[in-house]
Amino acid sequence: MRIPSCAFRRSALAILLFAATTATNAQEAENRAVVVKAEGEELPSAYGAPPDLSHGRISTLTKSYVLSPFSFELEAGYEGAVFRHGLPTHLFRQEIEMGLPARFTVGMQNQLEHFAGDTRDRSFTLEARYAPANWNKLPLNPAISAEYRFGLSNTLPDSGELALLISHDFPHLIEWAMNIFVDREFGGRESTSAGFAQSFEVPILLPEEKLEVGLEMQYRSGGETIGHERTTKGFAIGPTLAWRPTRNVRFDLSPLVGCSDRTPAVQVFAVLSFSFGGPAAGDVETPASTRGH
């Protein structure tokens, strides 16, 4: 049976329209999926670093690498020390850091002290941090940190600190960082102390990694003076926890136990941080890490 040419043309046109509509719907669905995925991504990574190591801090005591250009990190921190003899001390700090191009980060910090019912300003700190190469271009991804601390009380002289920050993202989602530092007081005793802080964390809630647990430790050969000539000299170790209620907010908690008579019996460190700013997700390098975020 012969099909009229006009009927054939109408059938062909209907098929083409159906195919075009299907392709358009598929493209729109794909675009929506891409948009949803982009909205759910982490904040931009710093020069290819994994997101967790792109925010300047891996735990309460340990910093890592640098921030993304023109991104900001606001922090509110608390440190409580319970000594074997005498009253406990409480330190509160506020800190802001900003990422700059060429792998620089700058920041400032203010610290308050509460002891024996008295609260006063303790110190004001300026910091600069620099990473010599993009992530995974050098072993352990080193960064150099320099701080100058202005003492705001009669018992705390000005001091400076130089630190080497190294960090790495191991397989099986293990994050590790170590800070090795030397601290020098100017005026007064003119003493020099050194030490390190080290931590590692693993996620226990996947795939968003909203909750991580790990181990943190610190050693100081001299230690800061807290209260009436008490110091944090010695070795302390304990668990650490990181919780992210949102992609911009993070809470870190580390209760550490002193391992000698010269360290506080218990120290509790807590940091609440908020990240914002930085380039759009499409303007940063693809992370070199193989972590599945």
Protein backbone atom coordinates (compact mmCIF):
# COMPACT_ATOMS: atom_id res chain seq x y z
CA MET A 1 0.00 0.00 0.00
CA ARG A 2 1.38 3.36 -0.95
CA ILE A 3 1.62 6.07 1.76
CA PRO A 4 0.78 9.58 0.55
CA SER A 5 3.81 11.87 0.50
CA CYS A 6 2.06 14.49 2.65
CA ALA A 7 1.31 11.91 5.36
CA PHE A 8 4.94 10.72 5.26
CA ARG A 9 6.21 14.27 5.67
CA ARG A 10 3.90 14.83 8.63
CA SER A 11 5.12 11.64 10.30
CA ALA A 12 8.77 12.55 9.77
CA LEU A 13 8.16 16.03 11.16
CA ALA A 14 6.47 14.58 14.25
CA ILE A 15 9.42 12.25 14.85
CA LEU A 16 11.90 15.11 14.55
CA LEU A 17 9.88 17.29 16.94
CA PHE A 18 9.67 14.44 19.47
CA ALA A 19 13.42 13.83 19.25
CA ALA A 20 14.20 17.53 19.68
CA THR A 21 11.87 17.77 22.69
CA THR A 22 13.45 14.69 24.28
CA ALA A 23 16.97 16.06 23.76
CA THR A 24 15.97 19.42 25.20
CA ASN A 25 14.45 17.82 28.29
CA ALA A 26 17.52 15.65 28.77
CA GLN A 27 19.79 18.69 28.46
CA GLU A 28 17.70 20.62 30.98
CA ALA A 29 17.79 17.69 33.41
CA GLU A 30 21.55 17.44 33.00
CA ASN A 31 21.93 21.19 33.58
CA ARG A 32 19.81 20.96 36.72
CA ALA A 33 21.94 18.08 37.96
CA VAL A 34 25.10 20.10 37.36
CA VAL A 35 23.67 23.10 39.20
CA VAL A 36 22.59 20.96 42.15
CA LYS A 37 26.00 19.33 42.27
CA ALA A 38 27.79 22.70 42.21
CA GLU A 39 25.61 24.03 45.02
CA GLY A 40 26.47 20.99 47.15
CA GLU A 41 30.22 21.20 46.63
CA GLU A 42 32.67 22.29 49.29
CA LEU A 43 34.12 25.77 49.33
CA PRO A 44 36.84 26.33 46.70
CA SER A 45 40.03 24.42 47.39
CA ALA A 46 43.34 26.19 47.85
CA TYR A 47 45.66 25.52 44.91
CA GLY A 48 44.47 21.93 44.52
CA ALA A 49 44.42 21.02 48.22
CA PRO A 50 41.56 18.87 49.55
CA PRO A 51 38.72 20.98 51.01
CA ASP A 52 39.48 20.06 54.63
CA LEU A 53 43.09 21.23 54.25
CA SER A 54 42.09 24.42 52.42
CA HIS A 55 40.66 26.25 55.41
CA GLY A 56 43.83 26.94 57.35
CA ARG A 57 43.15 24.61 60.30
CA ILE A 58 42.86 20.84 60.59
CA SER A 59 42.15 20.81 64.36
CA THR A 60 42.14 23.06 67.41
CA LEU A 61 45.95 23.29 67.65
CA THR A 62 47.18 22.43 64.17
CA LYS A 63 47.08 24.63 61.08
CA SER A 64 47.73 23.50 57.53
CA TYR A 65 48.65 25.03 54.19
CA VAL A 66 46.99 28.33 53.12
CA LEU A 67 43.55 29.72 52.23
CA SER A 68 42.13 30.24 48.75
CA PRO A 69 42.69 33.76 47.31
CA PHE A 70 40.26 36.31 48.78
CA SER A 71 38.57 33.76 51.03
CA PHE A 72 38.07 34.47 54.74
CA GLU A 73 38.07 32.41 57.92
CA LEU A 74 36.51 33.76 61.13
CA GLU A 75 37.27 31.87 64.34
CA ALA A 76 36.23 32.02 67.97
CA GLY A 77 38.35 29.85 70.25
CA TYR A 78 38.45 28.76 73.87
CA GLU A 79 41.24 27.17 75.94
CA GLY A 80 40.66 25.96 79.48
CA ALA A 81 43.46 24.60 81.65
CA VAL A 82 42.96 22.70 84.92
CA PHE A 83 46.19 22.53 86.94
CA ARG A 84 47.08 20.02 89.62
CA HIS A 85 47.40 22.86 92.12
CA GLY A 86 45.67 26.23 92.01
CA LEU A 87 42.79 27.78 90.11
CA PRO A 88 41.92 26.95 86.49
CA THR A 89 42.52 29.46 83.70
CA HIS A 90 40.37 30.38 80.72
CA LEU A 91 41.60 31.94 77.47
CA PHE A 92 39.30 33.29 74.76
CA ARG A 93 40.41 34.39 71.31
CA GLN A 94 38.95 35.86 68.14
CA GLU A 95 40.79 35.46 64.85
CA ILE A 96 40.30 36.42 61.20
CA GLU A 97 42.39 35.17 58.28
CA MET A 98 42.31 36.14 54.59
CA GLY A 99 43.80 34.32 51.62
CA LEU A 100 45.85 36.29 49.09
CA PRO A 101 47.15 35.40 45.60
CA ALA A 102 50.49 33.62 45.21
CA ARG A 103 49.73 31.28 48.15
CA PHE A 104 49.81 33.88 50.94
CA THR A 105 47.54 34.09 53.99
CA VAL A 106 47.44 36.94 56.50
CA GLY A 107 45.57 37.14 59.79
CA MET A 108 45.15 38.81 63.15
CA GLN A 109 44.10 37.51 66.54
CA ASN A 110 42.99 38.99 69.85
CA GLN A 111 43.19 36.99 73.09
CA LEU A 112 41.48 37.52 76.45
CA GLU A 113 42.34 35.87 79.76
CA HIS A 114 39.99 35.06 82.65
CA PHE A 115 41.69 34.08 85.89
CA ALA A 116 40.56 34.28 89.54
CA GLY A 117 37.46 36.26 88.60
CA ASP A 118 39.38 38.86 86.58
CA THR A 119 39.10 39.25 82.78
CA ARG A 120 41.65 41.26 80.78
CA ASP A 121 43.21 41.62 77.34
CA ARG A 122 46.17 39.31 77.02
CA SER A 123 47.70 39.66 73.55
CA PHE A 124 47.21 40.84 69.97
CA THR A 125 48.84 38.79 67.19
CA LEU A 126 49.67 39.40 63.51
CA GLU A 127 50.35 36.39 61.29
CA ALA A 128 51.60 35.75 57.75
CA ARG A 129 51.69 32.34 56.09
CA TYR A 130 53.20 31.29 52.75
CA ALA A 131 53.24 28.04 50.78
CA PRO A 132 56.11 27.78 48.25
CA ALA A 133 54.23 25.49 45.83
CA ASN A 134 50.78 24.24 44.86
CA TRP A 135 49.36 21.21 46.62
CA ASN A 136 51.21 17.92 46.02
CA LYS A 137 54.05 19.66 44.14
CA LEU A 138 56.39 19.30 47.14
CA PRO A 139 56.58 16.43 49.67
CA LEU A 140 54.33 17.02 52.71
CA ASN A 141 53.10 20.35 51.26
CA PRO A 142 55.14 22.69 53.47
CA ALA A 143 54.11 26.21 54.45
CA ILE A 144 55.96 28.79 56.55
CA SER A 145 54.15 30.74 59.28
CA ALA A 146 55.47 33.82 61.09
CA GLU A 147 53.69 35.52 64.02
CA TYR A 148 54.37 38.60 66.11
CA ARG A 149 52.51 38.72 69.41
CA PHE A 150 52.03 42.01 71.27
CA GLY A 151 51.68 41.46 75.01
CA LEU A 152 48.84 43.55 76.43
CA SER A 153 49.49 42.78 80.10
CA ASN A 154 52.49 43.51 82.31
CA THR A 155 53.25 39.80 82.78
CA LEU A 156 53.32 38.96 79.04
CA PRO A 157 56.16 40.44 76.94
CA ASP A 158 56.11 40.75 73.15
CA SER A 159 57.17 37.59 71.36
CA GLY A 160 57.61 36.12 67.89
CA GLU A 161 57.03 32.66 66.50
CA LEU A 162 58.32 30.93 63.37
CA ALA A 163 56.69 27.65 62.36
CA LEU A 164 56.93 25.01 59.65
CA LEU A 165 53.53 23.61 58.67
CA ILE A 166 53.45 20.24 56.90
CA SER A 167 50.37 18.25 55.95
CA HIS A 168 49.29 15.36 53.77
CA ASP A 169 46.13 13.62 52.63
CA PHE A 170 46.72 9.87 52.86
CA PRO A 171 44.62 7.14 51.23
CA HIS A 172 41.55 5.85 53.05
CA LEU A 173 40.54 9.47 53.93
CA ILE A 174 43.25 10.08 56.54
CA GLU A 175 44.19 13.75 57.02
CA TRP A 176 47.44 14.56 58.84
CA ALA A 177 49.25 17.77 59.75
CA MET A 178 52.15 18.84 61.98
CA ASN A 179 53.31 22.29 63.10
CA ILE A 180 56.92 22.61 64.30
CA PHE A 181 57.53 25.97 65.97
CA VAL A 182 60.12 28.10 67.74
CA ASP A 183 58.94 30.91 70.03
CA ARG A 184 61.13 33.81 71.21
CA GLU A 185 60.26 36.38 73.87
CA PHE A 186 61.51 39.95 73.43
CA GLY A 187 62.41 41.85 76.59
CA GLY A 188 62.12 40.49 80.09
CA ARG A 189 63.47 36.95 80.27
CA GLU A 190 64.20 36.81 76.51
CA SER A 191 63.61 33.07 76.64
CA THR A 192 63.26 30.74 73.67
CA SER A 193 60.96 27.71 73.52
CA ALA A 194 60.14 25.17 70.83
CA GLY A 195 57.77 22.32 70.23
CA PHE A 196 55.25 20.77 67.89
CA ALA A 197 51.54 20.13 67.48
CA GLN A 198 50.34 17.13 65.48
CA SER A 199 46.95 15.75 64.59
CA PHE A 200 45.23 13.32 62.25
CA GLU A 201 41.55 12.81 61.51
CA VAL A 202 39.34 10.29 59.68
CA PRO A 203 35.67 10.76 58.72
CA ILE A 204 33.04 8.56 60.30
CA LEU A 205 29.98 10.05 58.54
CA LEU A 206 30.14 9.70 54.75
CA PRO A 207 29.83 10.96 52.07
CA GLU A 208 29.59 14.55 53.33
CA GLU A 209 32.22 13.96 56.05
CA LYS A 210 30.21 16.03 58.50
CA LEU A 211 31.84 14.31 61.47
CA GLU A 212 35.52 13.41 61.85
CA VAL A 213 37.46 11.99 64.79
CA GLY A 214 41.15 11.63 65.42
CA LEU A 215 44.09 12.13 67.75
CA GLU A 216 45.89 15.35 68.70
CA MET A 217 49.09 15.96 70.63
CA GLN A 218 51.28 18.87 71.62
CA TYR A 219 54.75 19.28 73.10
CA ARG A 220 56.32 22.52 74.32
CA SER A 221 59.84 22.82 75.72
CA GLY A 222 59.05 26.08 77.50
CA GLY A 223 55.45 27.02 77.18
CA GLU A 224 53.38 30.17 77.55
CA THR A 225 52.95 31.67 81.01
CA ILE A 226 49.34 31.42 82.14
CA GLY A 227 48.05 33.00 85.31
CA HIS A 228 50.65 33.21 88.05
CA GLU A 229 53.72 31.71 86.36
CA ARG A 230 51.95 28.53 85.25
CA THR A 231 52.97 27.23 81.84
CA THR A 232 51.87 24.66 79.29
CA LYS A 233 55.36 23.10 79.23
CA GLY A 234 55.47 19.38 78.49
CA PHE A 235 53.54 16.83 76.47
CA ALA A 236 49.74 16.53 76.20
CA ILE A 237 47.64 14.13 74.14
CA GLY A 238 43.99 13.35 73.58
CA PRO A 239 41.16 12.84 71.09
CA THR A 240 39.94 15.47 68.65
CA LEU A 241 36.59 15.90 66.92
CA ALA A 242 35.45 18.01 63.96
CA TRP A 243 31.76 18.58 63.17
CA ARG A 244 30.32 20.51 60.20
CA PRO A 245 26.66 21.47 60.61
CA THR A 246 26.91 23.30 57.25
CA ARG A 247 29.55 23.54 54.53
CA ASN A 248 30.68 26.94 55.85
CA VAL A 249 30.64 26.24 59.60
CA ARG A 250 32.95 23.93 61.52
CA PHE A 251 33.35 23.12 65.22
CA ASP A 252 36.51 21.50 66.62
CA LEU A 253 36.93 20.08 70.12
CA SER A 254 40.06 18.57 71.71
CA PRO A 255 40.34 17.52 75.38
CA LEU A 256 44.02 16.82 76.09
CA VAL A 257 45.58 15.16 79.14
CA GLY A 258 48.95 16.34 80.44
CA CYS A 259 51.64 13.68 80.72
CA SER A 260 53.93 15.36 83.28
CA ASP A 261 53.75 17.45 86.44
CA ARG A 262 54.64 20.60 84.51
CA THR A 263 51.69 20.37 82.12
CA PRO A 264 48.11 21.12 83.11
CA ALA A 265 46.26 18.01 84.24
CA VAL A 266 43.59 18.64 81.59
CA GLN A 267 43.35 21.15 78.74
CA VAL A 268 40.21 21.69 76.68
CA PHE A 269 40.49 23.40 73.28
CA ALA A 270 37.43 24.41 71.24
CA VAL A 271 37.23 26.39 67.97
CA LEU A 272 34.14 27.54 66.06
CA SER A 273 35.01 28.71 62.54
CA PHE A 274 33.08 30.24 59.65
CA SER A 275 34.42 30.32 56.06
CA PHE A 276 33.23 32.52 53.23
CA GLY A 277 34.36 34.27 50.07
CA GLY A 278 36.92 33.08 47.56
CA PRO A 279 36.65 32.40 43.82
CA ALA A 280 33.79 30.53 42.23
CA ALA A 281 34.09 26.77 42.09
CA GLY A 282 34.80 26.90 38.35
CA ASP A 283 37.67 29.36 38.80
CA VAL A 284 39.89 27.15 40.95
CA GLU A 285 42.13 24.24 40.08
CA THR A 286 40.85 20.71 40.18
CA PRO A 287 42.07 19.11 43.43
CA ALA A 288 45.02 16.82 42.93
CA SER A 289 43.75 14.61 45.75
CA THR A 290 41.71 11.53 44.91
CA ARG A 291 39.42 11.98 47.90
CA GLY A 292 35.77 11.33 47.05
CA HIS A 293 33.88 14.38 48.34
